[in-house]
């Protein structure tokens, strides 16, 4: 979807060696900016990711910072790391030394929705942006439990569900 609608270069952590690919795409520097939009619900494939799940089940860790770790390691020296993804509590094994040595700038916090909603809606009304491409499922409100299940489990290529009353 991102490739087709926005012309973005797309990497899938399940299929691509993301860190190596980003280094290659940037001539070895790493991106000037990285975004962790996933937050505590990130999923990983390696041993450290398995340990995160185990620590969560033992209540030794509240979040899974897989995407954050990868973003820190990928981001180039002097880069910016934006974290709109939500982290609610305790993080473990986040490479803060690497972030410090690279001189990364962290930008994080809740999005200021009230500040941006009017200009965003104006762009939509003027048809300067078309957000409906993200809607993959439309369901009646009474099927909400099914919609949440499909979205949460990433079934049926689900990206965004609209529930119609």
C-alpha atoms as a PDB file:
ATOM      1  CA  UNK A   1       0.000   0.000   0.000  1.00  0.00           C
ATOM      2  CA  UNK A   2       2.750   2.494   0.923  1.00  0.00           C
ATOM      3  CA  UNK A   3       4.653   1.662  -2.259  1.00  0.00           C
ATOM      4  CA  UNK A   4       1.579   1.903  -4.485  1.00  0.00           C
ATOM      5  CA  UNK A   5      -0.057   5.002  -2.950  1.00  0.00           C
ATOM      6  CA  UNK A   6       2.967   7.002  -1.798  1.00  0.00           C
ATOM      7  CA  UNK A   7       5.913   5.714  -3.824  1.00  0.00           C
ATOM      8  CA  UNK A   8       7.647   4.619  -0.612  1.00  0.00           C
ATOM      9  CA  UNK A   9      10.464   2.109  -0.410  1.00  0.00           C
ATOM     10  CA  UNK A  10       8.980  -0.757   1.591  1.00  0.00           C
ATOM     11  CA  UNK A  11      10.875  -3.166   3.838  1.00  0.00           C
ATOM     12  CA  UNK A  12       9.201  -5.976   5.767  1.00  0.00           C
ATOM     13  CA  UNK A  13      11.111  -7.188   8.822  1.00  0.00           C
ATOM     14  CA  UNK A  14       9.784 -10.709   8.178  1.00  0.00           C
ATOM     15  CA  UNK A  15      11.283 -10.804   4.683  1.00  0.00           C
ATOM     16  CA  UNK A  16      14.101  -8.247   4.605  1.00  0.00           C
ATOM     17  CA  UNK A  17      17.228  -7.655   6.697  1.00  0.00           C
ATOM     18  CA  UNK A  18      15.994  -4.144   7.540  1.00  0.00           C
ATOM     19  CA  UNK A  19      19.113  -2.708   9.204  1.00  0.00           C
ATOM     20  CA  UNK A  20      21.393  -3.879   6.412  1.00  0.00           C
ATOM     21  CA  UNK A  21      18.959  -2.704   3.731  1.00  0.00           C
ATOM     22  CA  UNK A  22      18.689   0.789   5.258  1.00  0.00           C
ATOM     23  CA  UNK A  23      22.472   1.088   5.478  1.00  0.00           C
ATOM     24  CA  UNK A  24      22.770   0.010   1.849  1.00  0.00           C
ATOM     25  CA  UNK A  25      20.066   2.449   0.719  1.00  0.00           C
ATOM     26  CA  UNK A  26      21.870   5.347   2.441  1.00  0.00           C
ATOM     27  CA  UNK A  27      25.432   4.621   1.383  1.00  0.00           C
ATOM     28  CA  UNK A  28      26.320   3.175   4.799  1.00  0.00           C
ATOM     29  CA  UNK A  29      25.181   6.245   6.794  1.00  0.00           C
ATOM     30  CA  UNK A  30      21.739   5.181   7.954  1.00  0.00           C
ATOM     31  CA  UNK A  31      18.618   7.309   7.536  1.00  0.00           C
ATOM     32  CA  UNK A  32      18.624  10.932   8.717  1.00  0.00           C
ATOM     33  CA  UNK A  33      15.339  10.238  10.501  1.00  0.00           C
ATOM     34  CA  UNK A  34      13.556   7.125  11.728  1.00  0.00           C
ATOM     35  CA  UNK A  35      10.005   6.725  13.010  1.00  0.00           C
ATOM     36  CA  UNK A  36       8.823   4.148  15.533  1.00  0.00           C
ATOM     37  CA  UNK A  37       5.079   4.343  14.991  1.00  0.00           C
ATOM     38  CA  UNK A  38       4.443   0.886  16.450  1.00  0.00           C
ATOM     39  CA  UNK A  39       5.379   1.286  20.095  1.00  0.00           C
ATOM     40  CA  UNK A  40       4.710  -1.318  22.748  1.00  0.00           C
ATOM     41  CA  UNK A  41       2.801  -3.643  20.423  1.00  0.00           C
ATOM     42  CA  UNK A  42       5.781  -4.380  18.172  1.00  0.00           C
ATOM     43  CA  UNK A  43       6.522  -7.936  17.135  1.00  0.00           C
ATOM     44  CA  UNK A  44      10.005  -9.278  16.508  1.00  0.00           C
ATOM     45  CA  UNK A  45      11.546 -12.494  15.291  1.00  0.00           C
ATOM     46  CA  UNK A  46      14.861 -12.852  17.119  1.00  0.00           C
ATOM     47  CA  UNK A  47      15.974 -14.262  20.454  1.00  0.00           C
ATOM     48  CA  UNK A  48      15.802 -10.883  22.206  1.00  0.00           C
ATOM     49  CA  UNK A  49      12.203 -10.592  21.020  1.00  0.00           C
ATOM     50  CA  UNK A  50      11.375 -13.970  22.554  1.00  0.00           C
ATOM     51  CA  UNK A  51      12.926 -12.783  25.828  1.00  0.00           C
ATOM     52  CA  UNK A  52      10.727  -9.664  25.725  1.00  0.00           C
ATOM     53  CA  UNK A  53       7.604 -11.815  25.484  1.00  0.00           C
ATOM     54  CA  UNK A  54       8.814 -13.989  28.373  1.00  0.00           C
ATOM     55  CA  UNK A  55       9.596 -10.908  30.504  1.00  0.00           C
ATOM     56  CA  UNK A  56       6.144  -9.525  29.771  1.00  0.00           C
ATOM     57  CA  UNK A  57       4.482 -12.735  30.905  1.00  0.00           C
ATOM     58  CA  UNK A  58       6.488 -12.548  34.152  1.00  0.00           C
ATOM     59  CA  UNK A  59       5.630  -8.835  34.502  1.00  0.00           C
ATOM     60  CA  UNK A  60       9.304  -7.845  34.372  1.00  0.00           C
ATOM     61  CA  UNK A  61       8.696  -5.676  31.325  1.00  0.00           C
ATOM     62  CA  UNK A  62       5.535  -3.941  30.142  1.00  0.00           C
ATOM     63  CA  UNK A  63       6.356  -3.110  26.524  1.00  0.00           C
ATOM     64  CA  UNK A  64       8.066  -4.735  23.542  1.00  0.00           C
ATOM     65  CA  UNK A  65      10.582  -2.191  22.213  1.00  0.00           C
ATOM     66  CA  UNK A  66      11.623  -4.143  19.086  1.00  0.00           C
ATOM     67  CA  UNK A  67      10.902  -1.305  16.660  1.00  0.00           C
ATOM     68  CA  UNK A  68      12.607   1.228  18.951  1.00  0.00           C
ATOM     69  CA  UNK A  69      15.781  -0.873  19.153  1.00  0.00           C
ATOM     70  CA  UNK A  70      15.894  -1.249  15.381  1.00  0.00           C
ATOM     71  CA  UNK A  71      15.233   2.459  14.815  1.00  0.00           C
ATOM     72  CA  UNK A  72      18.096   3.457  17.135  1.00  0.00           C
ATOM     73  CA  UNK A  73      20.496   1.049  15.462  1.00  0.00           C
ATOM     74  CA  UNK A  74      19.411   2.106  11.952  1.00  0.00           C
ATOM     75  CA  UNK A  75      19.361   5.882  12.399  1.00  0.00           C
ATOM     76  CA  UNK A  76      22.421   7.724  11.137  1.00  0.00           C
ATOM     77  CA  UNK A  77      24.743   9.889  13.248  1.00  0.00           C
ATOM     78  CA  UNK A  78      23.102  13.172  14.222  1.00  0.00           C
ATOM     79  CA  UNK A  79      19.733  11.794  13.124  1.00  0.00           C
ATOM     80  CA  UNK A  80      16.285  12.231  14.563  1.00  0.00           C
ATOM     81  CA  UNK A  81      14.168   9.457  16.009  1.00  0.00           C
ATOM     82  CA  UNK A  82      10.435  10.218  16.154  1.00  0.00           C
ATOM     83  CA  UNK A  83       8.394   8.026  18.483  1.00  0.00           C
ATOM     84  CA  UNK A  84       4.648   8.563  18.049  1.00  0.00           C
ATOM     85  CA  UNK A  85       4.191   4.884  18.982  1.00  0.00           C
ATOM     86  CA  UNK A  86       3.027   4.438  22.567  1.00  0.00           C
ATOM     87  CA  UNK A  87       5.248   3.022  25.303  1.00  0.00           C
ATOM     88  CA  UNK A  88       3.322   2.730  28.545  1.00  0.00           C
ATOM     89  CA  UNK A  89       5.880   1.561  31.061  1.00  0.00           C
ATOM     90  CA  UNK A  90       9.133  -0.295  31.523  1.00  0.00           C
ATOM     91  CA  UNK A  91      11.533  -0.943  28.639  1.00  0.00           C
ATOM     92  CA  UNK A  92      14.503  -3.290  28.764  1.00  0.00           C
ATOM     93  CA  UNK A  93      17.620  -3.595  26.630  1.00  0.00           C
ATOM     94  CA  UNK A  94      17.144  -0.347  24.708  1.00  0.00           C
ATOM     95  CA  UNK A  95      20.535   0.648  23.244  1.00  0.00           C
ATOM     96  CA  UNK A  96      20.710   4.126  24.783  1.00  0.00           C
ATOM     97  CA  UNK A  97      24.514   4.081  24.547  1.00  0.00           C
ATOM     98  CA  UNK A  98      24.253   3.744  20.762  1.00  0.00           C
ATOM     99  CA  UNK A  99      21.707   6.585  20.665  1.00  0.00           C
ATOM    100  CA  UNK A 100      24.019   8.763  22.779  1.00  0.00           C
ATOM    101  CA  UNK A 101      27.115   7.970  20.706  1.00  0.00           C
ATOM    102  CA  UNK A 102      25.248   8.784  17.486  1.00  0.00           C
ATOM    103  CA  UNK A 103      23.953  12.052  18.936  1.00  0.00           C
ATOM    104  CA  UNK A 104      20.357  11.180  18.116  1.00  0.00           C
ATOM    105  CA  UNK A 105      17.545  13.612  18.811  1.00  0.00           C
ATOM    106  CA  UNK A 106      14.392  12.006  20.196  1.00  0.00           C
ATOM    107  CA  UNK A 107      10.987  13.511  19.420  1.00  0.00           C
ATOM    108  CA  UNK A 108       8.151  11.773  21.208  1.00  0.00           C
ATOM    109  CA  UNK A 109       4.806  12.273  22.801  1.00  0.00           C
ATOM    110  CA  UNK A 110       1.173  12.239  21.938  1.00  0.00           C
ATOM    111  CA  UNK A 111       0.234  13.859  18.659  1.00  0.00           C
ATOM    112  CA  UNK A 112      -1.371  17.265  19.064  1.00  0.00           C
ATOM    113  CA  UNK A 113      -4.557  16.197  17.304  1.00  0.00           C
ATOM    114  CA  UNK A 114      -6.474  19.401  18.044  1.00  0.00           C
ATOM    115  CA  UNK A 115      -3.701  21.466  16.446  1.00  0.00           C
ATOM    116  CA  UNK A 116      -3.718  19.471  13.210  1.00  0.00           C
ATOM    117  CA  UNK A 117      -7.330  18.328  12.731  1.00  0.00           C
ATOM    118  CA  UNK A 118      -8.701  21.497  11.072  1.00  0.00           C
ATOM    119  CA  UNK A 119      -5.873  21.894   8.529  1.00  0.00           C
ATOM    120  CA  UNK A 120      -5.967  18.160   7.816  1.00  0.00           C
ATOM    121  CA  UNK A 121      -9.721  18.184   7.198  1.00  0.00           C
ATOM    122  CA  UNK A 122      -9.304  21.253   4.963  1.00  0.00           C
ATOM    123  CA  UNK A 123      -6.767  19.342   2.827  1.00  0.00           C
ATOM    124  CA  UNK A 124      -9.223  16.450   2.558  1.00  0.00           C
ATOM    125  CA  UNK A 125     -12.122  18.762   1.629  1.00  0.00           C
ATOM    126  CA  UNK A 126      -9.990  20.391  -1.106  1.00  0.00           C
ATOM    127  CA  UNK A 127      -9.121  16.862  -2.287  1.00  0.00           C
ATOM    128  CA  UNK A 128      -5.411  17.567  -1.832  1.00  0.00           C
ATOM    129  CA  UNK A 129      -5.073  14.292   0.032  1.00  0.00           C
ATOM    130  CA  UNK A 130      -7.154  11.137  -0.281  1.00  0.00           C
ATOM    131  CA  UNK A 131      -7.045   9.045   2.902  1.00  0.00           C
ATOM    132  CA  UNK A 132      -9.685   6.459   1.962  1.00  0.00           C
ATOM    133  CA  UNK A 133      -7.107   4.221   0.283  1.00  0.00           C
ATOM    134  CA  UNK A 134      -6.222   3.001   3.776  1.00  0.00           C
ATOM    135  CA  UNK A 135      -9.707   1.607   4.417  1.00  0.00           C
ATOM    136  CA  UNK A 136      -9.573  -2.103   3.703  1.00  0.00           C
ATOM    137  CA  UNK A 137     -12.700  -3.217   5.550  1.00  0.00           C
ATOM    138  CA  UNK A 138     -16.190  -1.738   6.033  1.00  0.00           C
ATOM    139  CA  UNK A 139     -18.431  -3.601   8.449  1.00  0.00           C
ATOM    140  CA  UNK A 140     -21.713  -3.045  10.285  1.00  0.00           C
ATOM    141  CA  UNK A 141     -21.294  -1.889  13.877  1.00  0.00           C
ATOM    142  CA  UNK A 142     -22.751  -5.146  15.211  1.00  0.00           C
ATOM    143  CA  UNK A 143     -19.755  -6.974  13.679  1.00  0.00           C
ATOM    144  CA  UNK A 144     -17.289  -4.878  15.710  1.00  0.00           C
ATOM    145  CA  UNK A 145     -15.829  -7.857  17.629  1.00  0.00           C
ATOM    146  CA  UNK A 146     -15.006  -9.560  14.321  1.00  0.00           C
ATOM    147  CA  UNK A 147     -13.504  -6.320  12.964  1.00  0.00           C
ATOM    148  CA  UNK A 148     -11.269  -5.935  16.012  1.00  0.00           C
ATOM    149  CA  UNK A 149     -10.180  -9.568  15.702  1.00  0.00           C
ATOM    150  CA  UNK A 150      -9.294  -9.195  12.007  1.00  0.00           C
ATOM    151  CA  UNK A 151      -7.406  -5.939  12.668  1.00  0.00           C
ATOM    152  CA  UNK A 152      -5.528  -7.183  15.742  1.00  0.00           C
ATOM    153  CA  UNK A 153      -4.449 -10.414  14.068  1.00  0.00           C
ATOM    154  CA  UNK A 154      -3.631  -8.726  10.756  1.00  0.00           C
ATOM    155  CA  UNK A 155      -5.933 -11.088   8.878  1.00  0.00           C
ATOM    156  CA  UNK A 156      -7.311 -10.482   5.375  1.00  0.00           C
ATOM    157  CA  UNK A 157      -4.641  -7.813   4.685  1.00  0.00           C
ATOM    158  CA  UNK A 158      -6.473  -5.541   7.128  1.00  0.00           C
ATOM    159  CA  UNK A 159      -5.124  -2.010   7.539  1.00  0.00           C
ATOM    160  CA  UNK A 160      -8.087   0.109   8.626  1.00  0.00           C
ATOM    161  CA  UNK A 161     -11.637  -0.906   9.543  1.00  0.00           C
ATOM    162  CA  UNK A 162     -14.587   1.467   9.276  1.00  0.00           C
ATOM    163  CA  UNK A 163     -17.651   0.472  11.277  1.00  0.00           C
ATOM    164  CA  UNK A 164     -20.961   1.731   9.928  1.00  0.00           C
ATOM    165  CA  UNK A 165     -23.821   2.211  12.436  1.00  0.00           C
END
